[in-house]
Protein backbone atom coordinates (compact mmCIF):
# COMPACT_ATOMS: atom_id res chain seq x y z
CA MET A 1 188.47 69.58 54.00
CA THR A 2 186.42 72.83 53.89
CA THR A 3 187.70 76.14 52.70
CA ALA A 4 185.94 79.19 53.01
CA ILE A 5 186.15 83.18 52.79
CA TYR A 6 185.90 85.49 55.89
CA TRP A 7 184.64 88.90 54.47
CA PHE A 8 185.75 91.68 56.31
CA ARG A 9 183.10 94.48 56.65
CA ASN A 10 182.45 96.97 59.01
CA ASP A 11 184.24 94.67 61.73
CA LEU A 12 187.91 95.18 61.17
CA ARG A 13 188.92 93.16 64.44
CA LEU A 14 189.40 89.97 66.01
CA GLU A 15 188.15 90.72 69.37
CA ASP A 16 184.14 90.10 69.99
CA ASN A 17 183.60 89.13 66.46
CA PRO A 18 181.10 85.94 66.51
CA ALA A 19 181.15 85.93 62.78
CA LEU A 20 184.85 85.19 62.47
CA VAL A 21 184.98 82.96 65.53
CA LEU A 22 181.91 80.93 63.68
CA ALA A 23 184.30 80.60 60.10
CA CYS A 24 187.32 79.51 62.16
CA LYS A 25 185.40 76.81 63.89
CA SER A 26 183.54 75.63 60.50
CA ALA A 27 186.52 75.88 57.91
CA ASP A 28 189.72 73.82 57.72
CA PHE A 29 191.38 76.60 55.52
CA LEU A 30 190.23 80.20 55.81
CA LEU A 31 191.22 83.26 53.42
CA PRO A 32 190.44 86.49 55.07
CA ILE A 33 189.78 89.53 52.99
CA TYR A 34 188.80 93.03 52.64
CA VAL A 35 187.20 94.24 49.22
CA HIS A 36 187.38 97.82 47.91
CA ASP A 37 184.27 97.62 46.23
CA LYS A 38 185.04 100.05 42.87
CA HIS A 39 181.32 101.45 43.29
CA LEU A 40 182.27 103.35 46.26
CA GLU A 41 184.95 105.27 44.21
CA GLU A 42 181.86 106.52 41.95
CA GLU A 43 180.39 109.92 42.16
CA THR A 44 177.47 110.59 44.66
CA PRO A 45 174.16 112.28 42.32
CA TRP A 46 174.99 115.35 43.79
CA GLY A 47 178.52 115.50 42.46
CA PHE A 48 181.28 114.65 44.46
CA PRO A 49 183.31 111.76 45.58
CA ARG A 50 181.29 109.26 47.78
CA ILE A 51 184.94 108.68 50.00
CA SER A 52 187.00 111.65 50.94
CA GLU A 53 190.82 111.07 51.21
CA HIS A 54 190.44 111.37 55.24
CA ARG A 55 188.07 108.29 55.42
CA LYS A 56 190.49 106.39 52.81
CA VAL A 57 193.33 106.98 55.09
CA PHE A 58 191.85 105.88 58.39
CA LEU A 59 190.49 102.65 56.47
CA GLN A 60 193.98 102.08 55.17
CA ALA A 61 195.40 102.16 58.78
CA SER A 62 192.73 100.23 60.19
CA LEU A 63 193.57 97.60 57.53
CA GLU A 64 197.13 97.60 58.41
CA ASP A 65 196.58 97.17 61.69
CA LEU A 66 194.18 93.97 61.18
CA ARG A 67 196.37 92.68 58.85
CA ALA A 68 199.54 92.66 61.62
CA GLN A 69 197.11 91.06 64.11
CA LEU A 70 195.92 88.06 61.51
CA ARG A 71 200.06 87.77 60.54
CA SER A 72 200.62 87.21 64.19
CA LEU A 73 198.40 84.16 64.11
CA GLY A 74 199.89 82.99 60.80
CA SER A 75 197.18 84.20 58.73
CA ASP A 76 196.92 87.24 56.46
CA LEU A 77 194.53 89.88 55.07
CA VAL A 78 193.83 90.02 51.12
CA GLU A 79 192.70 93.43 49.88
CA LEU A 80 191.19 92.94 46.57
CA SER A 81 189.33 95.93 44.58
CA GLY A 82 186.71 96.05 41.85
CA ASP A 83 183.19 95.03 41.42
CA PHE A 84 182.60 92.57 44.54
CA ARG A 85 180.59 90.24 42.41
CA GLU A 86 183.76 89.69 39.93
CA VAL A 87 186.31 89.56 43.05
CA PHE A 88 184.05 86.90 44.64
CA SER A 89 183.59 84.73 41.31
CA ASN A 90 187.28 85.12 40.48
CA LEU A 91 188.01 83.84 44.35
CA ARG A 92 186.05 80.91 43.47
CA THR A 93 187.23 80.12 40.51
CA GLN A 94 190.89 80.13 42.03
CA LEU A 95 189.90 78.36 45.02
CA GLY A 96 186.91 76.57 44.24
CA VAL A 97 184.90 78.23 47.54
CA SER A 98 181.58 79.13 47.78
CA GLN A 99 181.45 79.59 51.42
CA ILE A 100 181.38 83.14 52.95
CA TYR A 101 181.29 84.13 56.32
CA CYS A 102 180.66 87.84 57.49
CA GLU A 103 178.70 90.40 59.42
CA GLN A 104 175.53 91.16 58.60
CA ILE A 105 174.82 94.86 57.96
CA GLU A 106 171.07 95.81 57.77
CA ALA A 107 171.26 98.61 55.35
CA PRO A 108 169.65 98.55 51.84
CA GLU A 109 173.32 98.45 49.79
CA GLU A 110 174.87 95.97 52.10
CA LEU A 111 171.89 93.86 51.93
CA GLN A 112 171.73 93.90 48.04
CA GLN A 113 175.22 92.63 48.12
CA VAL A 114 174.82 89.74 50.05
CA SER A 115 171.81 88.80 48.18
CA ALA A 116 173.49 88.96 44.81
CA LEU A 117 176.29 86.75 46.38
CA ARG A 118 173.53 84.13 47.13
CA ASP A 119 172.04 84.79 43.77
CA ILE A 120 175.15 83.97 42.17
CA GLY A 121 175.65 80.64 44.17
CA PHE A 122 177.57 81.78 47.13
CA GLU A 123 176.42 80.03 50.35
CA VAL A 124 176.67 83.45 52.80
CA GLN A 125 176.55 83.07 56.45
CA ALA A 126 176.20 86.58 57.94
CA LEU A 127 175.68 87.43 61.72
CA TRP A 128 174.49 90.62 63.48
CA GLN A 129 176.85 91.56 65.84
CA SER A 130 177.62 95.44 65.62
CA SER A 131 175.13 96.21 68.40
CA MET A 132 175.39 96.80 71.88
CA LEU A 133 172.46 94.82 73.07
CA ASP A 134 171.46 90.97 71.62
CA PRO A 135 168.48 91.69 69.14
CA HIS A 136 167.26 88.38 70.59
CA SER A 137 167.24 89.81 74.01
CA LEU A 138 164.91 92.85 73.66
CA PRO A 139 161.64 93.00 75.41
CA PHE A 140 159.64 93.44 72.03
CA GLN A 141 160.18 92.21 68.29
CA LEU A 142 162.25 94.49 66.17
CA LYS A 143 159.69 94.52 63.47
CA GLN A 144 157.48 96.21 66.63
CA MET A 145 159.46 98.20 68.33
CA PRO A 146 158.53 101.54 69.35
CA ASP A 147 159.18 104.06 67.34
CA ILE A 148 159.74 106.97 70.08
CA PHE A 149 163.50 106.67 71.23
CA THR A 150 162.44 107.64 74.95
CA GLN A 151 160.08 104.66 74.81
CA PHE A 152 162.48 102.50 73.43
CA ARG A 153 164.82 103.20 76.12
CA GLN A 154 162.16 102.87 79.12
CA GLN A 155 161.74 99.46 77.97
CA ILE A 156 165.18 98.45 77.66
CA GLU A 157 165.75 99.85 81.19
CA LYS A 158 162.47 98.30 82.56
CA SER A 159 164.06 94.82 81.40
CA LYS A 160 167.35 95.83 83.13
CA LEU A 161 168.93 95.33 80.09
CA ARG A 162 172.97 97.09 79.62
CA PHE A 163 174.63 95.23 77.08
CA ALA A 164 175.70 91.67 75.72
CA LYS A 165 178.74 89.86 76.98
CA PRO A 166 181.63 90.31 74.27
CA VAL A 167 183.02 87.18 73.01
CA ASP A 168 186.54 86.15 73.47
CA SER A 169 189.14 87.62 70.96
CA VAL A 170 190.27 84.64 68.29
CA GLN A 171 193.11 82.70 69.44
CA ALA A 172 193.84 80.45 66.14
CA ILE A 173 192.76 80.95 62.62
CA PRO A 174 192.70 78.17 60.18
CA SER A 175 195.52 78.01 57.41
CA LEU A 176 195.58 80.24 54.34
CA PRO A 177 194.35 77.83 51.36
CA ASN A 178 197.19 76.81 48.59
CA ASP A 179 199.90 77.07 51.51
CA GLY A 180 199.38 81.09 51.75
CA ALA A 181 199.81 81.83 47.97
CA ALA A 182 199.24 85.37 47.03
CA TYR A 183 195.67 86.22 45.89
CA GLY A 184 196.25 89.61 44.10
CA LEU A 185 197.64 91.08 47.42
CA GLN A 186 197.07 94.44 47.47
CA THR A 187 198.63 96.77 50.51
CA GLY A 188 198.77 100.54 50.98
CA VAL A 189 195.89 101.20 48.72
CA TYR A 190 195.58 104.78 50.22
CA THR A 191 198.61 106.55 51.45
CA LYS A 192 198.01 109.98 51.32
CA ALA A 193 198.57 112.00 54.30
CA SER A 194 195.53 113.21 56.52
CA ASN A 195 195.33 115.80 59.02
CA SER A 196 192.97 113.68 61.41
CA LEU A 197 193.54 113.08 64.92
CA PHE A 198 192.57 109.57 64.77
CA ILE A 199 194.79 106.65 63.53
CA GLY A 200 192.60 103.76 62.51
CA GLY A 201 192.97 100.21 63.72
CA ALA A 202 191.90 97.87 66.63
CA SER A 203 195.63 98.88 68.41
CA GLY A 204 194.34 102.47 68.52
CA ALA A 205 191.10 101.84 69.41
CA HIS A 206 192.29 99.81 72.58
CA ALA A 207 194.88 102.43 73.51
CA HIS A 208 192.06 105.38 73.26
CA ILE A 209 189.55 103.35 75.36
CA HIS A 210 191.82 102.54 78.03
CA GLN A 211 193.47 106.20 78.26
CA TYR A 212 189.69 107.42 78.19
CA PHE A 213 188.76 105.37 81.14
CA GLU A 214 191.95 105.83 83.22
CA ARG A 215 191.99 109.27 83.07
CA ARG A 216 188.32 109.44 84.20
CA LEU A 217 186.83 111.54 81.66
CA VAL A 218 183.67 109.88 81.54
CA ASP A 219 182.91 111.34 84.85
CA THR A 220 182.38 114.75 83.19
CA TYR A 221 181.18 113.17 79.86
CA LYS A 222 177.44 114.51 80.22
CA LEU A 223 178.96 117.91 81.32
CA THR A 224 181.21 118.63 78.62
CA ARG A 225 180.03 116.48 75.50
CA ASN A 226 178.52 119.45 73.83
CA GLN A 227 182.07 121.32 73.61
CA LEU A 228 183.66 122.16 70.54
CA VAL A 229 187.26 122.07 70.89
CA GLY A 230 189.71 119.42 71.77
CA MET A 231 189.65 115.59 71.99
CA ASP A 232 188.73 114.98 75.65
CA TYR A 233 185.43 116.83 75.59
CA SER A 234 183.51 113.55 74.59
CA SER A 235 184.49 110.05 74.15
CA LYS A 236 185.86 110.46 70.59
CA PHE A 237 185.11 106.39 70.21
CA SER A 238 182.85 106.63 66.78
CA PRO A 239 185.82 106.80 64.28
CA TRP A 240 186.83 102.92 65.48
CA LEU A 241 183.29 101.99 66.37
CA ALA A 242 182.12 103.22 62.64
CA LEU A 243 184.83 100.44 61.21
CA GLY A 244 184.25 97.84 63.82
CA CYS A 245 187.80 98.10 64.94
CA CYS A 246 186.19 97.92 68.51
CA SER A 247 182.71 96.92 69.39
CA ALA A 248 180.00 98.43 71.15
CA ARG A 249 179.75 95.52 73.59
CA THR A 250 183.68 95.67 74.43
CA ILE A 251 182.97 99.57 75.23
CA ALA A 252 179.89 98.62 76.94
CA ASN A 253 181.76 96.13 79.04
CA ALA A 254 184.69 98.45 80.14
CA LEU A 255 182.41 100.92 81.01
CA SER A 256 180.61 98.26 83.29
CA ASP A 257 183.97 97.41 84.89
CA TYR A 258 184.54 101.20 85.50
CA GLU A 259 181.28 101.61 87.18
CA ASN A 260 182.23 98.71 89.49
CA ARG A 261 185.45 100.03 90.23
CA TYR A 262 184.46 103.66 90.91
CA GLY A 263 180.61 103.54 91.28
CA ALA A 264 178.02 104.70 88.74
CA ASN A 265 177.26 108.65 87.95
CA ASP A 266 175.72 110.78 85.34
CA GLY A 267 178.55 110.56 83.02
CA THR A 268 178.82 106.68 82.76
CA TYR A 269 174.78 106.50 82.46
CA TRP A 270 174.77 109.24 79.59
CA LEU A 271 177.76 107.22 77.80
CA TRP A 272 175.57 104.25 78.04
CA PHE A 273 172.44 106.32 77.01
CA GLU A 274 174.73 107.29 73.81
CA LEU A 275 175.56 103.94 72.87
CA LEU A 276 171.89 103.10 73.28
CA TRP A 277 170.74 105.83 70.78
CA ARG A 278 173.25 103.96 68.49
CA ASP A 279 171.61 100.79 68.98
CA TYR A 280 168.27 102.62 68.23
CA PHE A 281 169.25 103.57 65.05
CA ARG A 282 170.30 100.32 64.11
CA PHE A 283 167.10 98.56 65.38
CA LEU A 284 165.28 100.97 63.16
CA HIS A 285 166.66 99.54 60.08
CA PHE A 286 165.10 96.03 61.06
CA LYS A 287 161.74 97.87 60.97
CA TYR A 288 161.52 100.12 58.23
CA GLY A 289 164.58 99.27 55.91
CA ALA A 290 164.65 101.18 52.73
CA ARG A 291 162.03 103.51 53.64
CA LEU A 292 164.56 105.29 55.77
CA TYR A 293 166.18 106.24 52.37
CA ARG A 294 163.44 107.85 51.00
CA SER A 295 163.07 111.07 49.96
CA ALA A 296 160.35 111.58 52.12
CA GLY A 297 161.53 109.23 54.65
CA LEU A 298 158.88 107.89 56.76
CA GLY A 299 156.60 110.61 56.02
CA ASN A 300 154.58 111.98 53.13
CA ASN A 301 156.48 115.18 52.12
CA ARG A 302 159.28 114.82 49.57
CA SER A 303 162.63 116.73 50.53
CA ASN A 304 163.69 120.18 49.35
CA PRO A 305 164.84 120.54 45.75
CA PHE A 306 168.56 120.55 45.54
CA ASP A 307 170.50 123.66 44.60
CA GLY A 308 173.99 123.08 43.49
CA LEU A 309 175.32 126.47 44.15
CA LYS A 310 174.04 126.70 47.98
CA PHE A 311 175.37 123.09 48.22
CA ASN A 312 178.63 124.22 47.27
CA GLN A 313 178.66 127.45 49.72
CA TRP A 314 177.26 124.85 52.53
CA ALA A 315 179.64 122.03 51.93
CA SER A 316 182.85 124.61 51.54
CA GLY A 317 182.20 126.57 54.56
CA ASN A 318 181.02 129.80 52.69
CA THR A 319 177.55 130.63 53.49
CA GLY A 320 178.41 133.92 55.40
CA THR A 321 177.23 132.15 58.87
CA PRO A 322 180.47 132.27 60.68
CA LEU A 323 179.60 129.30 63.15
CA VAL A 324 178.47 127.32 60.61
CA ASP A 325 181.15 128.10 58.00
CA ALA A 326 183.83 127.33 60.75
CA ALA A 327 182.30 123.69 61.18
CA MET A 328 182.10 123.22 57.62
CA ARG A 329 185.91 123.95 57.34
CA GLU A 330 186.79 121.86 60.29
CA LEU A 331 184.87 118.98 58.55
CA SER A 332 186.74 119.01 55.20
CA LYS A 333 190.06 119.84 57.14
CA THR A 334 189.62 116.70 59.60
CA GLY A 335 187.24 114.44 58.49
CA PHE A 336 185.51 115.02 62.00
CA LEU A 337 182.97 117.08 63.72
CA SER A 338 181.74 117.64 66.94
CA ASN A 339 177.66 115.91 67.43
CA ARG A 340 176.51 119.61 68.51
CA MET A 341 178.22 121.15 65.06
CA ARG A 342 176.65 118.12 63.37
CA GLN A 343 173.19 119.07 64.34
CA ILE A 344 173.94 122.85 63.73
CA VAL A 345 174.85 122.49 60.20
CA ALA A 346 172.32 119.97 59.03
CA SER A 347 169.74 122.09 60.68
CA PHE A 348 171.25 125.14 58.66
CA TRP A 349 171.08 123.31 55.30
CA ILE A 350 167.73 122.00 55.66
CA TYR A 351 165.78 124.81 57.13
CA ASP A 352 168.26 128.08 56.54
CA MET A 353 169.38 127.24 53.17
CA GLN A 354 166.13 124.94 52.27
CA GLY A 355 168.34 121.86 51.17
CA ASP A 356 167.77 118.67 50.10
CA TRP A 357 168.55 116.32 53.36
CA ARG A 358 169.84 113.23 51.18
CA ALA A 359 172.48 115.47 49.95
CA GLY A 360 173.57 116.92 53.09
CA ALA A 361 173.51 113.05 54.43
CA ALA A 362 175.60 112.04 51.59
CA TRP A 363 178.19 114.71 52.25
CA PHE A 364 178.66 113.53 55.67
CA GLU A 365 178.85 109.87 54.28
CA SER A 366 181.89 111.21 52.27
CA GLN A 367 183.74 113.39 54.63
CA LEU A 368 183.20 111.65 58.12
CA ILE A 369 185.65 109.11 59.24
CA ASP A 370 183.46 107.89 61.49
CA TYR A 371 180.54 107.47 58.78
CA ASP A 372 178.10 105.07 59.99
CA VAL A 373 175.36 104.27 57.68
CA TYR A 374 172.62 103.46 60.44
CA SER A 375 173.62 106.88 62.74
CA ASN A 376 173.87 109.02 59.62
CA GLN A 377 170.74 108.39 57.96
CA GLY A 378 168.88 108.25 61.43
CA ASN A 379 170.45 111.79 62.41
CA TRP A 380 169.49 113.17 59.18
CA LEU A 381 165.87 111.87 59.07
CA TYR A 382 165.84 113.27 63.18
CA ILE A 383 166.82 116.71 61.87
CA ALA A 384 164.87 116.90 58.70
CA GLY A 385 161.32 115.68 60.54
CA LYS A 386 161.17 112.51 58.25
CA GLY A 387 161.90 109.91 60.57
CA THR A 388 160.45 108.68 64.28
CA ASP A 389 160.94 112.07 65.94
CA PRO A 390 157.61 113.38 67.62
CA ARG A 391 158.62 116.83 67.15
CA GLY A 392 158.57 116.90 63.28
CA GLY A 393 162.13 118.00 62.59
CA ARG A 394 164.55 119.69 64.80
CA PRO A 395 165.46 123.50 63.47
CA PHE A 396 168.04 125.03 65.65
CA ASN A 397 168.33 128.63 65.91
CA VAL A 398 172.46 129.55 65.23
CA ALA A 399 172.53 132.84 66.97
CA LYS A 400 171.37 130.80 70.34
CA GLN A 401 173.62 128.15 69.62
CA VAL A 402 176.80 130.53 69.32
CA LYS A 403 175.53 132.17 72.53
CA ASP A 404 175.37 128.71 74.51
CA HIS A 405 178.46 126.75 72.74
CA ASP A 406 180.57 129.34 71.09
CA PRO A 407 180.39 133.20 73.41
CA ASP A 408 183.72 133.84 73.08
CA GLY A 409 184.19 132.72 69.17
CA VAL A 410 186.83 130.50 70.09
CA TYR A 411 185.80 127.76 67.83
CA GLN A 412 184.85 129.94 65.02
CA ARG A 413 188.28 132.29 65.09
CA MET A 414 190.26 128.70 65.08
CA TRP A 415 188.78 127.32 61.87
CA LEU A 416 187.92 130.47 59.90
CA ASN A 417 191.39 131.54 60.47
CA GLU A 418 192.96 128.24 59.76
CA ALA A 419 191.09 127.90 56.57
CA ALA A 420 192.15 131.49 55.65
């Protein structure tokens, strides 16, 4: 009789989860767990917490939703806290289990975790499952993928690739080991209130995706995606995608069904286009790995030196530039920021304040409920000119951005008055 652990990471769902499907097929007894790694409770090198309350609250809601789904199938979710090596070693002592199934995350820290577990004798089966496209279907090897997004996209489109078909939701889960005895079960680890407009979990993800397509908001996506105020100007799928409460393949499949029903248009294409950007930043990690995390990125010039005083002004929304300050206060207040404002404040930090791009990326990691290691790193490298962008950086003119996106000052007043 085989006993295994399913280690949920950024795949907090039962639907379209090939690694979980494999675990359920392979094991007679299965223990689903989530590990709150104590390393994430440490401060960053720049002196602030690595994870904000907004992120913690969204994560906890997502875990509670996952737990309810697992319990409906006669299983459960065990939350454990501490050093992940010790957590798994303790489970091995308790259960005599050395098999772990999980999703593959192709980022340095997450790869090191899997490597460390293998080093201490665990058999880890990690499956890649977070992209819209199947890496094996691509018209190139990932190590040789085009650096420039436009060339990447053109090859994908030439090959007529759209998305990989999602796998069916898990319908049955092997019994818990030891008749379901508690393994240091924790619930409600993070319970503080949040001002977020988003509620974590696969149930919330499905409800949001359904209403988005039912209200036909996708038709205007290309026209409205750079707006700054409200819930409907962009898809807002990212918080649930970031924790894997839904998958990119499920969204792409829903988009395809929508196009079959109503026809394709600029909005539907552009939503797919943005999901392709998400894949691109993921796949770049297979090619460049830890080089994407160097001070110089893929280039030769190191980042600007870190200035703590300037950073605090930027992060707290006290730079004296109203649009930037409004955005940074929105971020602190809600844990979310429009894509347009993310680019503007990143540019301002790097070029106007001569800041270290890595500190900005770490602040976004701390604050954003939709933090995604691939997209966050990719976008900051893109703005800083230290990634694959042929233009060598993307400085934004704030005055022009105000004129283009907040000419009446509605957004600025909303957040500057809110924080006053």
